[in-house]
Amino acid sequence: MAYEIKNGQGSLFVNKNRTGQQPNMTGSIVAHRDIKAGETVRLAAWTNTPKAGVEFFFLKMSDPISRGDNAPKASATPPKATPQDTGEFEMEDDLDDEIPFS
């Protein structure tokens, strides 16, 4: 069975027949989604040498990572303030001092 490249993955191989202005490496990648002209996508590469011994770069395509991805997303409506946010606390009168387990 032939190797099947999955969506968002690809390979680059050394161009052994390179002459003049030809590229050092050639290969292909299968897009994981539709890509618009001028759009930037992220590529990552790992060196790989299978049993056949022909070294190549394994490629993975993904959407660009923005530095603010870990920050909370802006919302059209701000979240409602909780008592912890406002400093207001209410004590419950029915507190049970018994410990349910020992």
PDB file of N, CA and C in Angstrom:
ATOM      1  N   MET A   1       0.839  -1.177   0.000  1.00  0.00           N
ATOM      2  CA  MET A   1       0.000   0.000   0.000  1.00  0.00           C
ATOM      3  C   MET A   1       0.887   1.245   0.000  1.00  0.00           C
ATOM      4  N   ALA A   2       0.552   2.194  -0.830  1.00  0.00           N
ATOM      5  CA  ALA A   2       1.340   3.425  -0.955  1.00  0.00           C
ATOM      6  C   ALA A   2       1.088   4.326   0.243  1.00  0.00           C
ATOM      7  N   TYR A   3       2.086   5.121   0.585  1.00  0.00           N
ATOM      8  CA  TYR A   3       1.976   6.067   1.688  1.00  0.00           C
ATOM      9  C   TYR A   3       0.987   7.153   1.315  1.00  0.00           C
ATOM     10  N   GLU A   4       0.039   7.419   2.194  1.00  0.00           N
ATOM     11  CA  GLU A   4      -0.963   8.441   1.943  1.00  0.00           C
ATOM     12  C   GLU A   4      -0.688   9.650   2.829  1.00  0.00           C
ATOM     13  N   ILE A   5      -0.557  10.810   2.212  1.00  0.00           N
ATOM     14  CA  ILE A   5      -0.315  12.044   2.954  1.00  0.00           C
ATOM     15  C   ILE A   5      -1.654  12.540   3.491  1.00  0.00           C
ATOM     16  N   LYS A   6      -1.708  12.834   4.787  1.00  0.00           N
ATOM     17  CA  LYS A   6      -2.928  13.299   5.428  1.00  0.00           C
ATOM     18  C   LYS A   6      -3.078  14.811   5.234  1.00  0.00           C
ATOM     19  N   ASN A   7      -4.297  15.293   5.428  1.00  0.00           N
ATOM     20  CA  ASN A   7      -4.552  16.738   5.345  1.00  0.00           C
ATOM     21  C   ASN A   7      -3.667  17.482   6.331  1.00  0.00           C
ATOM     22  N   GLY A   8      -3.049  18.568   5.871  1.00  0.00           N
ATOM     23  CA  GLY A   8      -2.185  19.375   6.719  1.00  0.00           C
ATOM     24  C   GLY A   8      -0.778  18.828   6.842  1.00  0.00           C
ATOM     25  N   GLN A   9      -0.415  17.821   6.036  1.00  0.00           N
ATOM     26  CA  GLN A   9       0.912  17.225   6.108  1.00  0.00           C
ATOM     27  C   GLN A   9       1.540  17.152   4.718  1.00  0.00           C
ATOM     28  N   GLY A  10       2.863  17.012   4.685  1.00  0.00           N
ATOM     29  CA  GLY A  10       3.569  16.912   3.423  1.00  0.00           C
ATOM     30  C   GLY A  10       5.001  16.486   3.630  1.00  0.00           C
ATOM     31  N   SER A  11       5.788  16.499   2.557  1.00  0.00           N
ATOM     32  CA  SER A  11       7.181  16.071   2.601  1.00  0.00           C
ATOM     33  C   SER A  11       8.027  16.910   1.663  1.00  0.00           C
ATOM     34  N   LEU A  12       9.292  17.101   2.041  1.00  0.00           N
ATOM     35  CA  LEU A  12      10.289  17.750   1.182  1.00  0.00           C
ATOM     36  C   LEU A  12      11.468  16.802   1.045  1.00  0.00           C
ATOM     37  N   PHE A  13      11.907  16.576  -0.173  1.00  0.00           N
ATOM     38  CA  PHE A  13      13.041  15.692  -0.446  1.00  0.00           C
ATOM     39  C   PHE A  13      14.169  16.480  -1.106  1.00  0.00           C
ATOM     40  N   VAL A  14      15.401  16.075  -0.851  1.00  0.00           N
ATOM     41  CA  VAL A  14      16.562  16.702  -1.478  1.00  0.00           C
ATOM     42  C   VAL A  14      16.492  16.452  -2.978  1.00  0.00           C
ATOM     43  N   ASN A  15      16.704  17.491  -3.754  1.00  0.00           N
ATOM     44  CA  ASN A  15      16.707  17.397  -5.211  1.00  0.00           C
ATOM     45  C   ASN A  15      18.099  16.928  -5.638  1.00  0.00           C
ATOM     46  N   LYS A  16      18.266  15.627  -5.834  1.00  0.00           N
ATOM     47  CA  LYS A  16      19.575  15.053  -6.165  1.00  0.00           C
ATOM     48  C   LYS A  16      20.034  15.418  -7.576  1.00  0.00           C
ATOM     49  N   ASN A  17      19.112  15.806  -8.443  1.00  0.00           N
ATOM     50  CA  ASN A  17      19.451  16.151  -9.826  1.00  0.00           C
ATOM     51  C   ASN A  17      19.534  17.658 -10.021  1.00  0.00           C
ATOM     52  N   ARG A  18      19.808  18.374  -8.957  1.00  0.00           N
ATOM     53  CA  ARG A  18      19.815  19.831  -8.988  1.00  0.00           C
ATOM     54  C   ARG A  18      20.924  20.367  -9.890  1.00  0.00           C
ATOM     55  N   THR A  19      20.549  21.314 -10.740  1.00  0.00           N
ATOM     56  CA  THR A  19      21.524  22.025 -11.568  1.00  0.00           C
ATOM     57  C   THR A  19      21.098  23.479 -11.658  1.00  0.00           C
ATOM     58  N   GLY A  20      22.043  24.362 -11.678  1.00  0.00           N
ATOM     59  CA  GLY A  20      21.763  25.789 -11.876  1.00  0.00           C
ATOM     60  C   GLY A  20      20.821  26.378 -10.841  1.00  0.00           C
ATOM     61  N   GLN A  21      19.716  26.905 -11.315  1.00  0.00           N
ATOM     62  CA  GLN A  21      18.764  27.614 -10.476  1.00  0.00           C
ATOM     63  C   GLN A  21      17.668  26.720  -9.884  1.00  0.00           C
ATOM     64  N   GLN A  22      17.782  25.415 -10.016  1.00  0.00           N
ATOM     65  CA  GLN A  22      16.747  24.518  -9.491  1.00  0.00           C
ATOM     66  C   GLN A  22      16.755  24.524  -7.960  1.00  0.00           C
ATOM     67  N   PRO A  23      15.629  24.200  -7.340  1.00  0.00           N
ATOM     68  CA  PRO A  23      15.551  24.223  -5.875  1.00  0.00           C
ATOM     69  C   PRO A  23      16.377  23.108  -5.226  1.00  0.00           C
ATOM     70  N   ASN A  24      16.818  23.375  -3.997  1.00  0.00           N
ATOM     71  CA  ASN A  24      17.563  22.368  -3.241  1.00  0.00           C
ATOM     72  C   ASN A  24      16.684  21.187  -2.861  1.00  0.00           C
ATOM     73  N   MET A  25      15.414  21.483  -2.597  1.00  0.00           N
ATOM     74  CA  MET A  25      14.473  20.452  -2.185  1.00  0.00           C
ATOM     75  C   MET A  25      13.158  20.650  -2.927  1.00  0.00           C
ATOM     76  N   THR A  26      12.434  19.571  -3.120  1.00  0.00           N
ATOM     77  CA  THR A  26      11.106  19.639  -3.712  1.00  0.00           C
ATOM     78  C   THR A  26      10.182  18.714  -2.936  1.00  0.00           C
ATOM     79  N   GLY A  27       8.915  18.968  -3.034  1.00  0.00           N
ATOM     80  CA  GLY A  27       7.938  18.127  -2.358  1.00  0.00           C
ATOM     81  C   GLY A  27       6.558  18.726  -2.473  1.00  0.00           C
ATOM     82  N   SER A  28       5.689  18.277  -1.591  1.00  0.00           N
ATOM     83  CA  SER A  28       4.319  18.770  -1.631  1.00  0.00           C
ATOM     84  C   SER A  28       3.713  18.715  -0.235  1.00  0.00           C
ATOM     85  N   ILE A  29       2.614  19.434  -0.100  1.00  0.00           N
ATOM     86  CA  ILE A  29       1.856  19.436   1.146  1.00  0.00           C
ATOM     87  C   ILE A  29       0.379  19.454   0.771  1.00  0.00           C
ATOM     88  N   VAL A  30      -0.435  18.736   1.549  1.00  0.00           N
ATOM     89  CA  VAL A  30      -1.870  18.709   1.318  1.00  0.00           C
ATOM     90  C   VAL A  30      -2.506  19.682   2.306  1.00  0.00           C
ATOM     91  N   ALA A  31      -3.185  20.693   1.785  1.00  0.00           N
ATOM     92  CA  ALA A  31      -3.787  21.722   2.643  1.00  0.00           C
ATOM     93  C   ALA A  31      -4.864  21.107   3.530  1.00  0.00           C
ATOM     94  N   HIS A  32      -4.953  21.618   4.758  1.00  0.00           N
ATOM     95  CA  HIS A  32      -5.954  21.133   5.707  1.00  0.00           C
ATOM     96  C   HIS A  32      -7.271  21.902   5.601  1.00  0.00           C
ATOM     97  N   ARG A  33      -7.273  22.946   4.782  1.00  0.00           N
ATOM     98  CA  ARG A  33      -8.462  23.758   4.540  1.00  0.00           C
ATOM     99  C   ARG A  33      -8.202  24.595   3.302  1.00  0.00           C
ATOM    100  N   ASP A  34      -9.226  25.319   2.833  1.00  0.00           N
ATOM    101  CA  ASP A  34      -9.042  26.221   1.699  1.00  0.00           C
ATOM    102  C   ASP A  34      -8.148  27.388   2.115  1.00  0.00           C
ATOM    103  N   ILE A  35      -7.215  27.736   1.272  1.00  0.00           N
ATOM    104  CA  ILE A  35      -6.285  28.828   1.559  1.00  0.00           C
ATOM    105  C   ILE A  35      -6.513  29.930   0.535  1.00  0.00           C
ATOM    106  N   LYS A  36      -6.663  31.148   1.018  1.00  0.00           N
ATOM    107  CA  LYS A  36      -6.892  32.290   0.141  1.00  0.00           C
ATOM    108  C   LYS A  36      -5.560  32.857  -0.328  1.00  0.00           C
ATOM    109  N   ALA A  37      -5.553  33.468  -1.489  1.00  0.00           N
ATOM    110  CA  ALA A  37      -4.351  34.115  -2.002  1.00  0.00           C
ATOM    111  C   ALA A  37      -3.886  35.186  -1.028  1.00  0.00           C
ATOM    112  N   GLY A  38      -2.595  35.207  -0.740  1.00  0.00           N
ATOM    113  CA  GLY A  38      -2.027  36.184   0.163  1.00  0.00           C
ATOM    114  C   GLY A  38      -2.121  35.804   1.638  1.00  0.00           C
ATOM    115  N   GLU A  39      -2.804  34.711   1.953  1.00  0.00           N
ATOM    116  CA  GLU A  39      -2.962  34.285   3.347  1.00  0.00           C
ATOM    117  C   GLU A  39      -1.696  33.573   3.826  1.00  0.00           C
ATOM    118  N   THR A  40      -1.340  33.795   5.086  1.00  0.00           N
ATOM    119  CA  THR A  40      -0.178  33.143   5.672  1.00  0.00           C
ATOM    120  C   THR A  40      -0.618  31.888   6.419  1.00  0.00           C
ATOM    121  N   VAL A  41       0.084  30.802   6.191  1.00  0.00           N
ATOM    122  CA  VAL A  41      -0.129  29.575   6.952  1.00  0.00           C
ATOM    123  C   VAL A  41       1.177  29.210   7.640  1.00  0.00           C
ATOM    124  N   ARG A  42       1.099  28.454   8.694  1.00  0.00           N
ATOM    125  CA  ARG A  42       2.286  28.067   9.459  1.00  0.00           C
ATOM    126  C   ARG A  42       2.761  26.702   8.981  1.00  0.00           C
ATOM    127  N   LEU A  43       4.077  26.570   8.801  1.00  0.00           N
ATOM    128  CA  LEU A  43       4.679  25.290   8.444  1.00  0.00           C
ATOM    129  C   LEU A  43       5.683  24.898   9.524  1.00  0.00           C
ATOM    130  N   ALA A  44       5.715  23.628   9.837  1.00  0.00           N
ATOM    131  CA  ALA A  44       6.712  23.075  10.749  1.00  0.00           C
ATOM    132  C   ALA A  44       7.366  21.906  10.025  1.00  0.00           C
ATOM    133  N   ALA A  45       8.660  21.675  10.287  1.00  0.00           N
ATOM    134  CA  ALA A  45       9.379  20.615   9.581  1.00  0.00           C
ATOM    135  C   ALA A  45      10.223  19.789  10.550  1.00  0.00           C
ATOM    136  N   TRP A  46      10.249  18.478  10.330  1.00  0.00           N
ATOM    137  CA  TRP A  46      11.082  17.552  11.094  1.00  0.00           C
ATOM    138  C   TRP A  46      11.887  16.720  10.109  1.00  0.00           C
ATOM    139  N   THR A  47      13.154  16.459  10.437  1.00  0.00           N
ATOM    140  CA  THR A  47      13.942  15.568   9.586  1.00  0.00           C
ATOM    141  C   THR A  47      13.523  14.140   9.891  1.00  0.00           C
ATOM    142  N   ASN A  48      13.507  13.322   8.866  1.00  0.00           N
ATOM    143  CA  ASN A  48      13.063  11.945   9.004  1.00  0.00           C
ATOM    144  C   ASN A  48      13.890  11.061   8.076  1.00  0.00           C
ATOM    145  N   THR A  49      14.329   9.927   8.578  1.00  0.00           N
ATOM    146  CA  THR A  49      15.040   8.953   7.752  1.00  0.00           C
ATOM    147  C   THR A  49      14.371   7.595   7.936  1.00  0.00           C
ATOM    148  N   PRO A  50      13.549   7.167   6.988  1.00  0.00           N
ATOM    149  CA  PRO A  50      12.899   5.864   7.105  1.00  0.00           C
ATOM    150  C   PRO A  50      13.879   4.726   6.831  1.00  0.00           C
ATOM    151  N   LYS A  51      13.388   3.511   6.919  1.00  0.00           N
ATOM    152  CA  LYS A  51      14.232   2.330   6.699  1.00  0.00           C
ATOM    153  C   LYS A  51      14.885   2.332   5.323  1.00  0.00           C
ATOM    154  N   ALA A  52      14.234   2.932   4.349  1.00  0.00           N
ATOM    155  CA  ALA A  52      14.794   2.982   2.988  1.00  0.00           C
ATOM    156  C   ALA A  52      16.044   3.849   2.942  1.00  0.00           C
ATOM    157  N   GLY A  53      16.238   4.723   3.973  1.00  0.00           N
ATOM    158  CA  GLY A  53      17.455   5.512   4.064  1.00  0.00           C
ATOM    159  C   GLY A  53      17.457   6.829   3.328  1.00  0.00           C
ATOM    160  N   VAL A  54      16.347   7.213   2.721  1.00  0.00           N
ATOM    161  CA  VAL A  54      16.277   8.480   1.992  1.00  0.00           C
ATOM    162  C   VAL A  54      15.777   9.546   2.952  1.00  0.00           C
ATOM    163  N   GLU A  55      16.698  10.415   3.421  1.00  0.00           N
ATOM    164  CA  GLU A  55      16.325  11.451   4.382  1.00  0.00           C
ATOM    165  C   GLU A  55      15.415  12.482   3.729  1.00  0.00           C
ATOM    166  N   PHE A  56      14.400  12.933   4.491  1.00  0.00           N
ATOM    167  CA  PHE A  56      13.499  13.960   3.997  1.00  0.00           C
ATOM    168  C   PHE A  56      12.974  14.759   5.178  1.00  0.00           C
ATOM    169  N   PHE A  57      12.303  15.870   4.882  1.00  0.00           N
ATOM    170  CA  PHE A  57      11.653  16.681   5.900  1.00  0.00           C
ATOM    171  C   PHE A  57      10.170  16.350   5.905  1.00  0.00           C
ATOM    172  N   PHE A  58       9.645  16.026   7.072  1.00  0.00           N
ATOM    173  CA  PHE A  58       8.207  15.843   7.242  1.00  0.00           C
ATOM    174  C   PHE A  58       7.634  17.217   7.556  1.00  0.00           C
ATOM    175  N   LEU A  59       6.587  17.622   6.851  1.00  0.00           N
ATOM    176  CA  LEU A  59       5.994  18.951   7.022  1.00  0.00           C
ATOM    177  C   LEU A  59       4.606  18.852   7.634  1.00  0.00           C
ATOM    178  N   LYS A  60       4.278  19.844   8.427  1.00  0.00           N
ATOM    179  CA  LYS A  60       2.929  19.951   8.968  1.00  0.00           C
ATOM    180  C   LYS A  60       2.471  21.392   8.807  1.00  0.00           C
ATOM    181  N   MET A  61       1.276  21.560   8.286  1.00  0.00           N
ATOM    182  CA  MET A  61       0.690  22.871   8.027  1.00  0.00           C
ATOM    183  C   MET A  61      -0.386  23.135   9.070  1.00  0.00           C
ATOM    184  N   SER A  62      -0.419  24.360   9.591  1.00  0.00           N
ATOM    185  CA  SER A  62      -1.463  24.738  10.540  1.00  0.00           C
ATOM    186  C   SER A  62      -1.745  26.228  10.405  1.00  0.00           C
ATOM    187  N   ASP A  63      -2.777  26.668  11.089  1.00  0.00           N
ATOM    188  CA  ASP A  63      -3.091  28.093  11.096  1.00  0.00           C
ATOM    189  C   ASP A  63      -2.029  28.830  11.896  1.00  0.00           C
ATOM    190  N   PRO A  64      -1.751  30.082  11.563  1.00  0.00           N
ATOM    191  CA  PRO A  64      -0.742  30.846  12.304  1.00  0.00           C
ATOM    192  C   PRO A  64      -1.107  30.956  13.782  1.00  0.00           C
ATOM    193  N   ILE A  65      -0.090  30.988  14.620  1.00  0.00           N
ATOM    194  CA  ILE A  65      -0.290  31.158  16.049  1.00  0.00           C
ATOM    195  C   ILE A  65      -0.106  32.633  16.353  1.00  0.00           C
ATOM    196  N   SER A  66      -1.134  33.229  16.947  1.00  0.00           N
ATOM    197  CA  SER A  66      -0.987  34.633  17.328  1.00  0.00           C
ATOM    198  C   SER A  66      -0.563  34.691  18.789  1.00  0.00           C
ATOM    199  N   ARG A  67       0.190  35.692  19.132  1.00  0.00           N
ATOM    200  CA  ARG A  67       0.731  35.804  20.487  1.00  0.00           C
ATOM    201  C   ARG A  67      -0.362  35.930  21.536  1.00  0.00           C
ATOM    202  N   GLY A  68      -1.543  36.364  21.149  1.00  0.00           N
ATOM    203  CA  GLY A  68      -2.611  36.561  22.113  1.00  0.00           C
ATOM    204  C   GLY A  68      -3.559  35.377  22.238  1.00  0.00           C
ATOM    205  N   ASP A  69      -3.219  34.192  21.687  1.00  0.00           N
ATOM    206  CA  ASP A  69      -4.122  33.054  21.744  1.00  0.00           C
ATOM    207  C   ASP A  69      -4.443  32.618  23.167  1.00  0.00           C
ATOM    208  N   ASN A  70      -3.529  32.810  24.105  1.00  0.00           N
ATOM    209  CA  ASN A  70      -3.772  32.387  25.474  1.00  0.00           C
ATOM    210  C   ASN A  70      -4.586  33.412  26.251  1.00  0.00           C
ATOM    211  N   ALA A  71      -4.693  34.606  25.714  1.00  0.00           N
ATOM    212  CA  ALA A  71      -5.454  35.653  26.391  1.00  0.00           C
ATOM    213  C   ALA A  71      -6.942  35.396  26.192  1.00  0.00           C
ATOM    214  N   PRO A  72      -7.774  35.810  27.152  1.00  0.00           N
ATOM    215  CA  PRO A  72      -9.214  35.632  26.983  1.00  0.00           C
ATOM    216  C   PRO A  72      -9.700  36.391  25.756  1.00  0.00           C
ATOM    217  N   LYS A  73     -10.632  35.800  25.052  1.00  0.00           N
ATOM    218  CA  LYS A  73     -11.192  36.417  23.859  1.00  0.00           C
ATOM    219  C   LYS A  73     -12.099  37.586  24.249  1.00  0.00           C
ATOM    220  N   ALA A  74     -12.062  38.646  23.466  1.00  0.00           N
ATOM    221  CA  ALA A  74     -12.926  39.796  23.717  1.00  0.00           C
ATOM    222  C   ALA A  74     -14.363  39.400  23.417  1.00  0.00           C
ATOM    223  N   SER A  75     -15.271  39.857  24.218  1.00  0.00           N
ATOM    224  CA  SER A  75     -16.671  39.520  24.065  1.00  0.00           C
ATOM    225  C   SER A  75     -17.468  40.795  23.826  1.00  0.00           C
ATOM    226  N   ALA A  76     -18.572  40.671  23.102  1.00  0.00           N
ATOM    227  CA  ALA A  76     -19.419  41.833  22.851  1.00  0.00           C
ATOM    228  C   ALA A  76     -20.062  42.318  24.144  1.00  0.00           C
ATOM    229  N   THR A  77     -20.415  41.400  25.028  1.00  0.00           N
ATOM    230  CA  THR A  77     -20.978  41.779  26.325  1.00  0.00           C
ATOM    231  C   THR A  77     -20.038  41.314  27.420  1.00  0.00           C
ATOM    232  N   PRO A  78     -19.657  42.214  28.311  1.00  0.00           N
ATOM    233  CA  PRO A  78     -18.746  41.812  29.374  1.00  0.00           C
ATOM    234  C   PRO A  78     -19.418  40.819  30.314  1.00  0.00           C
ATOM    235  N   PRO A  79     -18.645  39.921  30.954  1.00  0.00           N
ATOM    236  CA  PRO A  79     -19.245  38.959  31.875  1.00  0.00           C
ATOM    237  C   PRO A  79     -19.814  39.675  33.094  1.00  0.00           C
ATOM    238  N   LYS A  80     -20.853  39.081  33.676  1.00  0.00           N
ATOM    239  CA  LYS A  80     -21.466  39.668  34.863  1.00  0.00           C
ATOM    240  C   LYS A  80     -20.523  39.510  36.048  1.00  0.00           C
ATOM    241  N   ALA A  81     -20.471  40.519  36.901  1.00  0.00           N
ATOM    242  CA  ALA A  81     -19.613  40.470  38.078  1.00  0.00           C
ATOM    243  C   ALA A  81     -20.175  39.493  39.090  1.00  0.00           C
ATOM    244  N   THR A  82     -19.321  38.695  39.675  1.00  0.00           N
ATOM    245  CA  THR A  82     -19.705  37.768  40.730  1.00  0.00           C
ATOM    246  C   THR A  82     -19.424  38.428  42.074  1.00  0.00           C
ATOM    247  N   PRO A  83     -19.976  37.893  43.160  1.00  0.00           N
ATOM    248  CA  PRO A  83     -19.685  38.478  44.473  1.00  0.00           C
ATOM    249  C   PRO A  83     -18.181  38.539  44.761  1.00  0.00           C
ATOM    250  N   GLN A  84     -17.409  37.563  44.274  1.00  0.00           N
ATOM    251  CA  GLN A  84     -15.966  37.574  44.494  1.00  0.00           C
ATOM    252  C   GLN A  84     -15.319  38.754  43.785  1.00  0.00           C
ATOM    253  N   ASP A  85     -15.852  39.124  42.622  1.00  0.00           N
ATOM    254  CA  ASP A  85     -15.303  40.255  41.870  1.00  0.00           C
ATOM    255  C   ASP A  85     -15.589  41.594  42.537  1.00  0.00           C
ATOM    256  N   THR A  86     -16.772  41.708  43.174  1.00  0.00           N
ATOM    257  CA  THR A  86     -17.177  42.981  43.756  1.00  0.00           C
ATOM    258  C   THR A  86     -16.788  43.117  45.214  1.00  0.00           C
ATOM    259  N   GLY A  87     -16.363  42.018  45.843  1.00  0.00           N
ATOM    260  CA  GLY A  87     -16.000  42.046  47.254  1.00  0.00           C
ATOM    261  C   GLY A  87     -17.191  41.857  48.174  1.00  0.00           C
ATOM    262  N   GLU A  88     -18.379  41.590  47.606  1.00  0.00           N
ATOM    263  CA  GLU A  88     -19.577  41.378  48.412  1.00  0.00           C
ATOM    264  C   GLU A  88     -19.752  39.885  48.661  1.00  0.00           C
ATOM    265  N   PHE A  89     -19.922  39.506  49.909  1.00  0.00           N
ATOM    266  CA  PHE A  89     -20.124  38.105  50.256  1.00  0.00           C
ATOM    267  C   PHE A  89     -21.339  37.998  51.161  1.00  0.00           C
ATOM    268  N   GLU A  90     -22.080  36.955  51.002  1.00  0.00           N
ATOM    269  CA  GLU A  90     -23.199  36.688  51.889  1.00  0.00           C
ATOM    270  C   GLU A  90     -22.890  35.422  52.658  1.00  0.00           C
ATOM    271  N   MET A  91     -23.097  35.458  53.956  1.00  0.00           N
ATOM    272  CA  MET A  91     -22.882  34.282  54.786  1.00  0.00           C
ATOM    273  C   MET A  91     -24.182  33.497  54.873  1.00  0.00           C
ATOM    274  N   GLU A  92     -24.077  32.205  54.748  1.00  0.00           N
ATOM    275  CA  GLU A  92     -25.252  31.365  54.883  1.00  0.00           C
ATOM    276  C   GLU A  92     -25.498  31.095  56.352  1.00  0.00           C
ATOM    277  N   ASP A  93     -26.787  31.165  56.780  1.00  0.00           N
ATOM    278  CA  ASP A  93     -27.145  30.925  58.172  1.00  0.00           C
ATOM    279  C   ASP A  93     -27.241  29.447  58.494  1.00  0.00           C
ATOM    280  N   ASP A  94     -27.416  28.612  57.495  1.00  0.00           N
ATOM    281  CA  ASP A  94     -27.642  27.201  57.761  1.00  0.00           C
ATOM    282  C   ASP A  94     -26.357  26.370  57.627  1.00  0.00           C
ATOM    283  N   LEU A  95     -25.235  26.900  58.066  1.00  0.00           N
ATOM    284  CA  LEU A  95     -23.995  26.146  58.006  1.00  0.00           C
ATOM    285  C   LEU A  95     -24.063  24.967  58.960  1.00  0.00           C
ATOM    286  N   ASP A  96     -23.637  23.824  58.484  1.00  0.00           N
ATOM    287  CA  ASP A  96     -23.661  22.593  59.276  1.00  0.00           C
ATOM    288  C   ASP A  96     -22.231  22.317  59.719  1.00  0.00           C
ATOM    289  N   ASP A  97     -21.998  22.293  61.021  1.00  0.00           N
ATOM    290  CA  ASP A  97     -20.644  22.093  61.538  1.00  0.00           C
ATOM    291  C   ASP A  97     -20.237  20.632  61.583  1.00  0.00           C
ATOM    292  N   GLU A  98     -21.141  19.710  61.280  1.00  0.00           N
ATOM    293  CA  GLU A  98     -20.784  18.293  61.318  1.00  0.00           C
ATOM    294  C   GLU A  98     -19.952  17.944  60.106  1.00  0.00           C
ATOM    295  N   ILE A  99     -18.965  17.094  60.335  1.00  0.00           N
ATOM    296  CA  ILE A  99     -18.103  16.639  59.242  1.00  0.00           C
ATOM    297  C   ILE A  99     -18.736  15.376  58.659  1.00  0.00           C
ATOM    298  N   PRO A 100     -19.033  15.334  57.369  1.00  0.00           N
ATOM    299  CA  PRO A 100     -19.736  14.188  56.777  1.00  0.00           C
ATOM    300  C   PRO A 100     -18.855  12.955  56.623  1.00  0.00           C
ATOM    301  N   PHE A 101     -17.568  13.071  56.799  1.00  0.00           N
ATOM    302  CA  PHE A 101     -16.655  11.929  56.679  1.00  0.00           C
ATOM    303  C   PHE A 101     -15.556  12.075  57.702  1.00  0.00           C
ATOM    304  N   SER A 102     -14.901  10.977  57.993  1.00  0.00           N
ATOM    305  CA  SER A 102     -13.823  11.065  58.979  1.00  0.00           C
ATOM    306  C   SER A 102     -12.532  10.522  58.430  1.00  0.00           C
TER     307      SER A 102
END
